[in-house]
Every structure is written in C-alpha cells, then in structure tokens.
Protein backbone atom coordinates (compact mmCIF):
# COMPACT_ATOMS: atom_id res chain seq x y z
CA MET A 1 5.33 33.52 22.20
CA GLU A 2 8.76 31.65 22.12
CA GLN A 3 7.23 29.17 25.09
CA ARG A 4 6.91 25.59 23.43
CA LEU A 5 5.89 22.52 25.09
CA ARG A 6 6.53 19.02 24.85
CA ARG A 7 3.58 16.92 24.52
CA ARG A 8 3.03 13.10 24.94
CA ASP A 9 0.60 11.34 22.80
CA GLY A 10 0.04 7.57 22.52
CA GLY A 11 3.64 6.45 22.31
CA HIS A 12 5.06 8.72 19.67
CA PRO A 13 8.25 10.73 20.56
CA PRO A 14 7.90 14.15 22.42
CA ILE A 15 7.32 16.99 19.90
CA GLU A 16 7.30 20.62 20.25
CA THR A 17 4.23 22.67 19.45
CA THR A 18 2.82 26.29 19.85
CA GLY A 19 0.06 25.06 22.08
CA ARG A 20 -2.73 26.07 19.81
CA GLY A 21 -5.73 23.74 20.27
CA VAL A 22 -6.65 21.50 23.48
CA THR A 23 -6.33 18.20 24.65
CA GLY A 24 -8.26 15.89 27.38
CA GLN A 25 -11.56 17.00 26.35
CA GLN A 26 -13.94 13.94 27.22
CA PRO A 27 -16.07 12.87 24.21
CA SER A 28 -19.35 12.39 23.77
CA GLY A 29 -20.59 8.87 22.29
CA VAL A 30 -16.83 7.54 22.75
CA VAL A 31 -16.57 4.79 20.40
CA GLU A 32 -15.28 1.85 22.29
CA ARG A 33 -11.74 0.44 21.03
CA ASP A 34 -11.55 -3.31 20.03
CA ASN A 35 -15.09 -4.34 19.90
CA GLY A 36 -17.14 -6.01 17.31
CA TYR A 37 -17.90 -3.26 15.51
CA ALA A 38 -14.18 -1.89 15.43
CA TRP A 39 -13.25 -5.26 13.45
CA LEU A 40 -16.31 -4.69 11.07
CA VAL A 41 -14.58 -1.11 10.09
CA ALA A 42 -11.29 -2.87 9.36
CA TRP A 43 -13.11 -5.71 7.32
CA LEU A 44 -14.76 -2.74 5.35
CA LEU A 45 -11.60 -0.83 4.85
CA MET A 46 -10.07 -4.37 3.81
CA LEU A 47 -12.46 -4.66 1.20
CA ALA A 48 -11.95 -0.92 -0.12
CA PHE A 49 -8.27 -1.83 -0.30
CA THR A 50 -9.09 -4.93 -2.22
CA MET A 51 -11.50 -2.97 -4.47
CA SER A 52 -8.82 -0.16 -5.11
CA PHE A 53 -6.15 -3.16 -6.06
CA ILE A 54 -8.58 -4.62 -8.09
CA ASP A 55 -8.75 -1.68 -10.57
CA ARG A 56 -5.19 -0.66 -9.72
CA GLN A 57 -3.71 -4.32 -10.83
CA LEU A 58 -6.28 -5.22 -13.59
CA LEU A 59 -3.80 -3.62 -16.09
CA ASN A 60 -1.40 -6.16 -15.50
CA LEU A 61 -3.27 -8.95 -16.74
CA LEU A 62 -4.10 -6.68 -19.93
CA ILE A 63 -0.68 -5.82 -20.85
CA ASP A 64 -0.29 -7.86 -23.95
CA PRO A 65 -3.47 -7.53 -25.31
CA ILE A 66 -3.54 -3.76 -25.24
CA LYS A 67 0.39 -3.91 -26.45
CA HIS A 68 -1.14 -5.49 -29.68
CA ASP A 69 -4.14 -3.54 -30.10
CA LEU A 70 -2.48 -0.19 -29.42
CA ALA A 71 0.84 -1.03 -30.86
CA VAL A 72 2.84 0.43 -28.11
CA SER A 73 6.04 -1.22 -26.84
CA ASP A 74 7.08 -2.46 -23.34
CA THR A 75 8.52 0.68 -22.00
CA GLN A 76 5.41 2.91 -23.21
CA LEU A 77 3.55 0.19 -21.51
CA SER A 78 5.30 0.34 -18.54
CA LEU A 79 4.86 4.01 -18.32
CA LEU A 80 1.17 3.67 -18.45
CA GLN A 81 1.46 0.76 -15.34
CA GLY A 82 3.85 3.42 -13.48
CA ALA A 83 3.72 6.75 -14.40
CA GLY A 84 0.00 6.94 -15.45
CA PHE A 85 -1.09 6.05 -12.20
CA ILE A 86 1.83 7.41 -9.55
CA VAL A 87 2.41 10.82 -11.19
CA ALA A 88 -1.49 11.84 -10.06
CA TYR A 89 -1.25 9.47 -6.97
CA LEU A 90 1.68 11.57 -5.82
CA ALA A 91 0.44 14.80 -6.33
CA PHE A 92 -2.96 14.15 -4.83
CA GLY A 93 -1.60 12.03 -1.96
CA PRO A 94 -0.16 15.01 0.43
CA VAL A 95 -3.49 16.79 -0.54
CA PHE A 96 -5.86 13.98 0.74
CA GLY A 97 -3.23 13.28 3.72
CA ARG A 98 -3.70 16.75 5.01
CA LEU A 99 -7.54 16.53 4.04
CA ALA A 100 -7.54 13.31 6.55
CA ASP A 101 -6.25 15.19 9.51
CA VAL A 102 -8.62 17.82 9.49
CA ALA A 103 -11.78 16.41 7.80
CA ARG A 104 -14.31 13.77 8.28
CA ARG A 105 -11.95 10.55 7.07
CA ARG A 106 -15.12 8.24 6.42
CA ASN A 107 -16.40 10.88 3.63
CA VAL A 108 -12.80 11.50 2.31
CA ILE A 109 -12.92 7.19 1.68
CA VAL A 110 -16.35 7.19 0.21
CA ALA A 111 -15.39 9.92 -2.41
CA SER A 112 -12.38 8.18 -3.41
CA ALA A 113 -13.83 5.12 -3.94
CA LEU A 114 -16.62 6.71 -6.09
CA LEU A 115 -13.95 8.29 -8.25
CA TRP A 116 -11.57 5.43 -8.91
CA SER A 117 -14.65 3.07 -10.00
CA VAL A 118 -15.64 5.85 -12.43
CA PHE A 119 -12.02 6.18 -13.70
CA THR A 120 -11.65 2.49 -14.02
CA MET A 121 -14.66 2.22 -16.16
CA LEU A 122 -13.42 5.30 -18.53
CA CYS A 123 -10.27 3.34 -19.18
CA GLY A 124 -12.72 0.62 -20.84
CA LEU A 125 -13.65 3.47 -23.17
CA ALA A 126 -10.38 4.69 -24.13
CA HIS A 127 -9.62 4.11 -27.77
CA ASN A 128 -5.58 5.29 -28.06
CA LEU A 129 -2.68 5.62 -25.43
CA PRO A 130 -3.01 9.06 -24.51
CA THR A 131 -6.77 8.69 -23.13
CA LEU A 132 -6.01 5.48 -21.79
CA PHE A 133 -3.17 7.26 -19.89
CA ALA A 134 -5.47 10.10 -18.81
CA ALA A 135 -8.16 7.46 -17.31
CA ARG A 136 -5.47 5.78 -15.34
CA ALA A 137 -4.06 8.86 -13.84
CA GLY A 138 -7.92 9.37 -12.62
CA VAL A 139 -7.76 6.18 -11.01
CA GLY A 140 -4.26 7.13 -9.32
CA ALA A 141 -5.61 10.48 -8.09
CA ALA A 142 -8.50 8.71 -6.33
CA GLU A 143 -6.85 5.75 -4.68
CA ALA A 144 -4.36 8.30 -3.20
CA ALA A 145 -6.67 9.43 -0.52
CA LEU A 146 -7.79 5.90 1.07
CA GLY A 147 -4.17 4.88 2.66
CA PRO A 148 -3.69 7.74 4.62
CA ALA A 149 -7.51 8.14 5.46
CA ALA A 150 -7.77 4.70 6.51
CA ALA A 151 -4.65 4.17 8.62
CA SER A 152 -5.70 7.30 10.64
CA LEU A 153 -9.40 5.70 10.97
CA LEU A 154 -8.09 2.40 12.19
CA ALA A 155 -5.71 4.24 15.01
CA ASP A 156 -8.75 5.44 16.58
CA TYR A 157 -10.60 2.57 16.32
CA PHE A 158 -7.98 0.04 17.74
CA SER A 159 -5.74 -0.15 21.14
CA LYS A 160 -1.89 -0.02 20.72
CA GLU A 161 -1.88 -3.83 21.25
CA ARG A 162 -4.32 -4.67 18.38
CA LEU A 163 -3.39 -2.24 15.96
CA PRO A 164 -0.87 -4.24 14.11
CA ARG A 165 -3.66 -7.37 13.77
CA ALA A 166 -6.61 -4.79 12.29
CA TYR A 167 -3.51 -3.22 9.81
CA SER A 168 -2.93 -6.70 8.89
CA ILE A 169 -6.77 -7.17 8.12
CA HIS A 170 -6.52 -4.01 5.96
CA PHE A 171 -3.19 -5.32 4.18
CA LEU A 172 -5.03 -8.11 2.82
CA GLY A 173 -6.54 -5.66 0.52
CA PRO A 174 -3.88 -5.69 -2.05
CA TYR A 175 -3.14 -9.21 -2.09
CA VAL A 176 -6.70 -10.24 -2.47
CA GLY A 177 -7.30 -7.10 -4.78
CA GLY A 178 -4.21 -8.26 -7.19
CA GLY A 179 -5.43 -11.91 -6.95
CA LEU A 180 -9.13 -11.03 -7.82
CA ALA A 181 -7.87 -8.66 -10.78
CA LEU A 182 -5.91 -11.70 -12.24
CA MET A 183 -8.48 -14.31 -11.62
CA LEU A 184 -11.63 -12.49 -12.48
CA GLY A 185 -9.89 -10.03 -15.06
CA GLY A 186 -8.88 -13.43 -16.71
CA MET A 187 -12.22 -14.88 -16.54
CA ILE A 188 -13.48 -11.74 -18.02
CA VAL A 189 -11.14 -11.37 -21.01
CA GLY A 190 -11.50 -14.71 -22.04
CA SER A 191 -15.35 -14.64 -22.04
CA ALA A 192 -15.55 -11.26 -23.74
CA ALA A 193 -17.90 -12.41 -26.43
CA SER A 194 -20.30 -13.88 -23.75
CA VAL A 195 -20.22 -10.71 -21.50
CA ALA A 196 -21.35 -8.65 -24.95
CA ALA A 197 -24.11 -11.14 -25.85
CA VAL A 198 -25.49 -10.36 -22.05
CA LEU A 199 -24.63 -6.36 -22.43
CA PRO A 200 -25.15 -5.78 -25.82
CA MET A 201 -23.85 -2.21 -25.61
CA LEU A 202 -20.31 -3.79 -24.96
CA ALA A 203 -20.59 -5.58 -28.34
CA ALA A 204 -18.26 -2.80 -30.20
CA PHE A 205 -15.39 -3.15 -27.33
CA LYS A 206 -12.51 -4.98 -27.34
CA PRO A 207 -12.02 -7.83 -24.26
CA TRP A 208 -9.58 -5.74 -22.58
CA GLN A 209 -11.88 -3.00 -22.79
CA ILE A 210 -14.98 -5.09 -21.48
CA THR A 211 -12.75 -6.16 -18.50
CA PHE A 212 -12.03 -2.46 -17.31
CA ILE A 213 -15.98 -1.57 -17.58
CA VAL A 214 -17.22 -4.44 -16.11
CA MET A 215 -14.38 -4.84 -13.02
CA GLY A 216 -14.93 -1.04 -12.27
CA ALA A 217 -18.75 -1.06 -12.23
CA PRO A 218 -18.92 -2.80 -8.54
CA GLY A 219 -17.14 -0.16 -6.90
CA ILE A 220 -20.03 2.25 -7.21
CA GLY A 221 -21.78 0.05 -4.64
CA LEU A 222 -18.69 -0.09 -2.42
CA ALA A 223 -19.09 3.31 -1.68
CA LEU A 224 -22.51 3.23 -0.70
CA LEU A 225 -21.64 0.44 1.66
CA LEU A 226 -18.70 2.76 3.05
CA LEU A 227 -21.28 4.91 4.41
CA LEU A 228 -22.14 2.66 7.02
CA ILE A 229 -18.62 3.61 8.82
CA ARG A 230 -18.88 5.80 11.94
CA GLU A 231 -16.43 8.68 11.95
CA PRO A 232 -14.61 7.84 15.62
CA PRO A 233 -13.10 10.83 18.05
CA ARG A 234 -9.57 11.32 17.33
CA ARG A 235 -7.63 9.73 20.26
CA SER A 236 -4.08 8.90 21.97
CA LEU A 237 -3.19 5.40 21.31
CA LEU A 238 -2.14 5.53 25.02
CA ASP A 239 -5.45 7.29 26.54
CA THR A 240 -8.32 5.86 25.79
CA GLU A 241 -10.78 8.45 27.28
CA SER A 242 -9.36 11.74 25.98
CA VAL A 243 -9.80 13.39 22.40
CA GLU A 244 -6.93 14.71 20.33
CA GLN A 245 -8.52 17.80 19.06
CA GLU A 246 -4.83 20.02 18.97
CA ARG A 247 -3.58 20.32 15.25
CA PHE A 248 0.12 20.92 14.00
CA THR A 249 1.06 23.35 11.29
CA LEU A 250 2.86 22.03 8.00
CA ILE A 251 5.85 23.66 9.29
CA GLU A 252 5.47 21.80 12.43
CA VAL A 253 5.05 18.68 10.67
CA CYS A 254 8.44 19.09 8.46
CA GLN A 255 10.15 19.92 11.98
CA PHE A 256 9.01 16.72 13.69
CA LEU A 257 10.33 14.67 10.47
CA TRP A 258 13.55 16.36 10.42
CA ARG A 259 14.55 15.84 14.35
CA ARG A 260 13.60 11.86 13.38
CA ARG A 261 15.61 11.71 9.94
CA ALA A 262 18.21 9.45 11.17
CA PHE A 263 15.18 6.85 11.69
CA TYR A 264 12.71 8.16 9.13
CA ALA A 265 15.09 8.20 5.97
CA PRO A 266 16.52 4.91 5.96
CA PHE A 267 13.34 3.12 7.18
CA VAL A 268 11.28 4.63 4.62
CA ALA A 269 14.30 4.04 2.01
CA ALA A 270 14.45 0.42 2.98
CA MET A 271 10.43 0.01 2.81
CA ALA A 272 10.70 1.24 -0.64
CA MET A 273 12.87 -1.49 -1.70
CA ILE A 274 10.31 -3.87 -0.51
CA MET A 275 7.55 -1.83 -2.20
CA LEU A 276 9.42 -1.91 -5.18
CA THR A 277 9.42 -5.79 -5.62
CA PHE A 278 5.64 -5.58 -4.52
CA TYR A 279 5.13 -3.34 -8.03
CA CYS A 280 7.44 -5.02 -10.04
CA LEU A 281 6.70 -8.67 -9.59
CA PRO A 282 2.66 -8.49 -10.18
CA ALA A 283 3.44 -6.23 -13.22
CA TRP A 284 6.05 -8.30 -15.08
CA MET A 285 5.13 -11.74 -13.69
CA PRO A 286 2.08 -12.59 -15.83
CA SER A 287 3.89 -11.58 -18.99
CA LEU A 288 7.29 -13.75 -17.52
CA PHE A 289 4.80 -16.56 -17.61
CA MET A 290 3.15 -16.14 -21.14
CA ARG A 291 6.65 -15.31 -22.86
CA THR A 292 8.31 -18.00 -21.08
CA TYR A 293 6.53 -20.62 -20.75
CA GLY A 294 3.50 -20.07 -23.45
CA VAL A 295 0.87 -20.06 -21.12
CA SER A 296 -2.49 -17.82 -21.76
CA ALA A 297 -3.74 -14.89 -20.09
CA LYS A 298 -6.62 -16.70 -19.11
CA GLU A 299 -4.57 -19.37 -17.34
CA VAL A 300 -2.50 -16.95 -15.81
CA GLY A 301 -5.47 -15.17 -14.40
CA VAL A 302 -7.25 -18.51 -12.93
CA ILE A 303 -3.87 -20.06 -11.85
CA TYR A 304 -1.69 -16.98 -10.59
CA GLY A 305 -4.56 -15.03 -9.33
CA PRO A 306 -5.61 -17.71 -6.54
CA LEU A 307 -2.20 -18.26 -5.46
CA GLN A 308 -1.27 -14.87 -5.34
CA ILE A 309 -4.04 -14.23 -2.99
CA PHE A 310 -2.95 -17.26 -0.76
CA SER A 311 0.49 -16.29 -0.52
CA GLY A 312 0.00 -12.81 0.26
CA CYS A 313 -2.61 -13.20 2.83
CA VAL A 314 -0.48 -15.78 4.68
CA GLY A 315 2.41 -12.94 4.14
CA VAL A 316 0.65 -9.78 5.80
CA LEU A 317 -1.16 -12.35 8.45
CA ALA A 318 2.29 -14.06 9.37
CA GLY A 319 4.00 -10.55 9.80
CA PRO A 320 2.38 -9.34 13.44
CA THR A 321 3.02 -12.99 14.90
CA VAL A 322 6.70 -13.31 13.91
CA ASN A 323 7.24 -9.85 14.82
CA ARG A 324 5.91 -10.86 18.35
CA LEU A 325 8.39 -13.88 18.48
CA LEU A 326 11.44 -12.18 16.87
CA ALA A 327 10.72 -9.25 19.60
CA ARG A 328 11.84 -11.76 22.17
CA ARG A 329 15.32 -11.70 21.12
CA TRP A 330 15.42 -8.08 19.53
CA PRO A 331 12.78 -6.09 21.99
CA LYS A 332 13.72 -2.68 20.55
CA THR A 333 14.05 -3.39 17.03
CA SER A 334 11.94 -6.74 15.72
CA VAL A 335 10.06 -4.95 13.52
CA LEU A 336 13.43 -3.75 11.62
CA MET A 337 14.79 -7.20 11.96
CA CYS A 338 11.79 -8.40 10.06
CA VAL A 339 12.39 -6.17 7.35
CA VAL A 340 16.17 -7.43 7.13
CA PHE A 341 15.39 -11.15 7.19
CA VAL A 342 12.56 -10.86 4.58
CA ALA A 343 14.82 -8.77 1.97
CA LEU A 344 17.13 -11.40 2.30
CA ALA A 345 14.86 -14.11 1.74
CA MET A 346 13.66 -12.07 -1.52
CA ILE A 347 17.13 -12.24 -3.04
CA ALA A 348 16.91 -15.98 -2.50
CA VAL A 349 14.00 -16.61 -4.28
CA MET A 350 14.71 -14.10 -7.14
CA VAL A 351 18.31 -15.78 -8.03
CA ALA A 352 16.40 -18.98 -8.24
CA LEU A 353 13.61 -17.87 -10.46
CA PRO A 354 15.15 -17.47 -13.82
CA PHE A 355 16.36 -21.22 -13.62
CA ALA A 356 12.85 -22.56 -12.82
CA PRO A 357 12.41 -25.56 -15.44
CA THR A 358 8.81 -25.43 -15.40
CA PHE A 359 5.78 -23.25 -15.00
CA PRO A 360 4.67 -24.76 -11.78
CA ALA A 361 8.02 -24.41 -10.41
CA ALA A 362 8.00 -20.94 -11.24
CA LEU A 363 4.77 -20.56 -9.57
CA ALA A 364 5.95 -21.99 -6.65
CA LEU A 365 8.68 -19.09 -6.57
CA SER A 366 6.36 -16.60 -7.41
CA ALA A 367 4.31 -17.61 -4.17
CA ALA A 368 7.25 -17.30 -2.03
CA SER A 369 8.38 -13.99 -3.57
CA THR A 370 4.49 -12.54 -3.01
CA PHE A 371 5.02 -13.97 0.77
CA CYS A 372 8.36 -11.87 1.22
CA TYR A 373 6.96 -8.78 0.09
CA SER A 374 3.57 -8.79 1.95
CA PHE A 375 5.28 -9.86 5.06
CA PRO A 376 6.34 -6.63 6.85
CA GLN A 377 3.75 -4.35 5.40
CA ALA A 378 1.01 -4.18 8.17
CA ILE A 379 4.05 -4.36 11.07
CA ALA A 380 5.79 -1.44 9.43
CA THR A 381 2.70 0.69 9.36
CA SER A 382 1.59 0.13 12.41
CA ALA A 383 5.33 1.21 14.13
CA LEU A 384 5.03 4.55 11.58
CA ILE A 385 1.74 5.25 12.99
CA PHE A 386 2.33 4.50 16.70
CA ALA A 387 5.24 7.09 16.36
CA THR A 388 3.31 10.00 14.86
CA PRO A 389 0.91 12.23 16.39
CA ASN A 390 -2.79 11.76 15.90
CA ARG A 391 -3.18 14.83 13.84
CA MET A 392 -0.16 14.34 11.72
CA ARG A 393 -0.98 10.59 10.64
CA GLY A 394 -2.80 11.78 7.47
CA ILE A 395 -0.09 13.82 6.41
CA VAL A 396 2.91 11.54 7.52
CA GLY A 397 1.24 8.11 6.15
CA SER A 398 0.54 10.03 2.78
CA LEU A 399 4.02 11.02 2.85
CA TYR A 400 5.37 7.74 3.53
CA THR A 401 3.21 6.18 0.60
CA PHE A 402 3.97 9.14 -1.24
CA CYS A 403 7.56 7.68 -1.05
CA LEU A 404 6.70 4.07 -1.10
CA SER A 405 4.55 4.11 -4.14
CA GLY A 406 6.48 6.99 -6.03
CA PHE A 407 9.49 4.81 -6.06
CA GLY A 408 7.80 1.35 -6.27
CA LEU A 409 5.17 2.00 -9.11
CA GLY A 410 6.94 5.16 -10.69
CA PHE A 411 10.16 3.33 -11.76
CA GLY A 412 9.93 -0.27 -10.72
CA PRO A 413 8.16 -1.33 -13.88
CA THR A 414 9.96 0.71 -15.89
CA ILE A 415 13.17 -0.26 -14.32
CA VAL A 416 12.55 -3.91 -15.39
CA ALA A 417 11.20 -2.80 -19.03
CA LEU A 418 14.35 -0.81 -19.51
CA VAL A 419 16.81 -3.77 -18.49
CA THR A 420 14.34 -6.14 -21.04
CA ASP A 421 14.80 -3.31 -23.83
CA TYR A 422 17.84 -2.07 -23.74
CA GLY A 423 20.07 -4.47 -21.42
CA PHE A 424 19.02 -7.78 -22.63
CA LYS A 425 17.39 -6.64 -25.85
CA ASP A 426 14.85 -9.38 -25.90
CA PRO A 427 11.11 -9.09 -24.60
CA ALA A 428 11.80 -13.10 -24.01
CA LEU A 429 14.27 -12.47 -21.42
CA VAL A 430 11.97 -11.12 -18.91
CA ASN A 431 12.56 -13.96 -16.80
CA PHE A 432 16.12 -12.62 -16.08
CA SER A 433 15.44 -9.15 -16.23
CA LEU A 434 12.63 -9.21 -13.57
CA PRO A 435 14.75 -11.47 -11.01
CA LEU A 436 17.84 -9.31 -11.46
CA VAL A 437 16.03 -5.97 -10.60
CA CYS A 438 14.11 -7.45 -7.66
CA ALA A 439 17.17 -9.43 -5.72
CA CYS A 440 19.31 -5.86 -6.18
CA ALA A 441 16.23 -4.13 -4.25
CA GLY A 442 16.09 -7.16 -1.48
CA LEU A 443 20.00 -6.30 -1.00
CA LEU A 444 19.36 -2.80 -0.94
CA GLY A 445 16.64 -3.23 1.21
CA ALA A 446 18.61 -4.98 3.61
CA VAL A 447 21.32 -2.56 4.26
CA PHE A 448 18.86 0.48 4.66
CA ALA A 449 17.05 -1.41 7.40
CA LEU A 450 20.38 -2.07 9.09
CA PHE A 451 21.30 1.70 8.82
CA ALA A 452 17.99 2.66 10.47
CA LEU A 453 18.38 0.06 13.74
CA PRO A 454 20.57 2.57 15.79
CA ALA A 455 18.17 5.28 15.45
CA PHE A 456 14.91 3.45 16.26
CA ARG A 457 16.63 1.63 19.16
CA ALA A 458 17.11 5.19 20.49
CA ILE A 459 13.47 6.44 19.76
CA VAL A 460 12.03 3.31 21.21
CA ALA A 461 13.89 4.10 24.83
CA GLU A 462 13.16 7.70 24.48
CA ASP A 463 9.42 6.69 23.96
CA ALA A 464 9.38 4.76 27.05
CA GLN A 465 10.21 7.66 29.39
CA PRO A 466 7.51 9.85 28.97
CA ALA A 467 5.06 7.10 29.32
CA ALA A 468 6.35 6.63 33.00
CA SER A 469 5.47 10.01 33.67
CA PRO A 470 1.99 11.44 34.65
CA ALA A 471 -0.19 11.82 31.79
CA GLY A 472 -0.69 15.14 30.01
CA ALA A 473 2.13 16.58 32.20
CA PRO A 474 3.83 19.12 30.22
CA VAL A 475 7.69 19.11 30.18
CA THR A 476 9.84 22.22 29.03
CA ALA A 477 11.39 21.51 25.85
CA SER A 478 15.18 21.43 26.00
C-alpha cells in the first residue's frame, strides 16, 4: 500500500504515483508525430484560438459606444472587460482542464467553440449592463475549455523538438484574433446602417449590438470544422510508441506542484505580469488613441488592428528562434532569460509612450509593446507542458491559465481604470495611467523571473538524469 514508484515521462521531473493504470501499451492506429496532418491540427487550433479572441477582445473597441448608450463609467466598463469575463473563465477553467485529462479533447474544444459563439451573439441582444455582464460571463466560461485541451492535444501530435514551433503557431491566435476584432469590428460598427439594410432583423439594434451579433455567428461554422480533428493517443514526449494511460488524483497533482513550488510560483508570477500587459494594452489602447489623438473608433480598428496582428505574430514566431540563440549562452535557463529581457524592454517602451507626440508615433510604440508581450508566450507554454506528465497537462495548464488570465484580465484593465479615475482623476490622462501600470508590471515580471532561475536550473539538471536510465525502469522513491 505504501510502495510508490518514481516514473519518467517525456522529460518531466520524476513524480510519485500509487501505480494505478498501466503504461507502455502499444497503441492501435498511432498518429504519427510532426507530419502534415499534425501541422494541419496546429493551424486548426490556431483558427479556434483566433475566433475565441475575436469574441473576447471585440468589447475593447466598443467601450466608448457602450459607455455612451448605457451611461456607465470607465470603472464599470473595466469590470465588464475583466470580472464579467474572468470570473466565469476561472470558475470553469479547472473543470474543463480536468475534463481534458479524462475525456476526448477534440469534443471538449468543439463544444467550447459552439458555446462561446452563441454567448457572443447574446451580448448583442443585451440592453443594459447586467444582461451584457451575464452574456460576457457566458463567453468566458465557454472559452475556458480551449486552452488546456488544445495544449494537451498538441503535445501528443508533436515531438519535443517541434512542440515549441507548434505552440508558436497556436499562439498566433490571440494576436490575429485581437487584430481582426479591431479591424472587422471597426468596419462593422462604422457601417452598421448598411449591415442593417442587408439584414433587416437587425435594424432595431445599436451599431455595437450589431457588431457582436455579426462577429459571433461564424463561430458556429468553426465548431463544425473542428470535427476534422482526430483524437490522438496520449503519449510521452520522449516515447513515440507507448500510450500513456496512467491517471493521477487531484491530491497527487497538488503534491507534484508543491514539490516544485520553488520554480512554479515565481515562474507563474513572472508570466502573470507579462499577461497583465497582454490584457491592459489592447483593453485601453483604443481609448488612449481616441482620447489623446482624437481618432475615431473606425480609424483605430482599421489601423491598429492590422498593426496588432503583424507585431503580435512576429513576436510569437520570433520567440522560439531567439530562445534557441539564447540557449547557446544560457543552455539551462534560456526560457527565463527571454522573460527577463522582454520585461525590461516593455519598461522602456512604456516610459516613452506618454510622450509620443503624434498618433503614428504612439502606434509605433504600441506595436513594440505588442511584440514584447507576445514574445515569450509559446516558449513558456512548451516549457510548462514538457515539465508536466501527460495526464496532468490539462489540469496544470488550466491552473497556469487560471493564474495568468485571472490576474491579467481580472485586475489589469480595472487597475488602469482606477488609476485613471481616482489617481489622475481625468479620463483624458489614460495615456499616463496605462503605461504606468504596464511599466510596473514589466519590472515585477523581470524580478520574478530572476527568482525562478535557480530552481529552474536545478529542474533541468534533474530531468537530464532519468533520461539516461532505461526507459520505463522504475526507481525507488527517496
């Protein structure tokens, strides 16, 4: 009863288990890793992530029209941006994360896409703040399923060497989606009368309501397209033949995370700071442009949207490449050094932002900030997944997302609004409150990443030792 074995799984640290389940069984119809179909799956999941962020970020463009029509303050709207989404997102994240560990991940993703699209359309049917808040919460609850299920699925389609690049493709979604939300949303909100003429049933709705309805509808077709994804066998990242069937109790997951707390706690804190800028900047940058430089919502959408797509995609694709270059100098800690450097770069960009003399200058700095917060996303996720057993990846990934999104989206936009409303006491000074908050987040991110360095270095050294022993050979736990 008390006997426990330490098991090696594809590069993750040795863990203790009670031995339930079996490993090493030969799968029937094993899906080949790194082949053309695997890359198709990566692009399909990128499309799903894109659509989810269109529906998630669309609200950012519509802040001022909603504020005018519903007569609400910046702080109330920030709660709609943050708490209205993130409370439900966090509440359902661990539930869906656990479901991704025990059920068919493809089906979880399909159901998620269908539900968030319906709730986005329901945002367009809202006529007051409480009903809009409820619909926004529905979007958050449904989108909570995508992240952990997709991360776990990709880890079974790609080898250790190709996984960071696969994640970089997947993480194009937030930047393409956020940009398209601004670009397409700006076009629709600026042409609402024409849309209502083509679709007479929308004639009674405000332009911002029409935008929600039109932008949410394509997600229903996306859910059908995602049925093309096949569920792969669960396998170790280092073992391409055996199927991973062993499951772990929630107590065992907690024990595993507690033993590695010296790494997980500061690493998650550092990435949470990066994610705070990820949510603060797109949430308030459109309002900054409109209030400081006098541009319209449509102009912001069609200019800032494509710029966000470009700079975000360049950043997330550059991450794995630069990480390989840094690995020559810091072979065991290059991932964390990426976080340190990008956090320091964010500080420099934010210090310059309040003093941008023109709209084009502010756009250039916003592009640099998007590059910074997008840069470490793929490499950080691949490092987390590689360090985690297969049957824990869903729940650990959801807890990681819980912490990052919970802090970033739950507090970020509201912190900026509070600094604007109660610190500077002038909505026009969002061009000072936004960079102040993001610069402080960058400083804390660099500090936390440095705190995580010793523990991460020790983990890399520890993980290298089991790999030299015969695969599957049990070692008595100390």
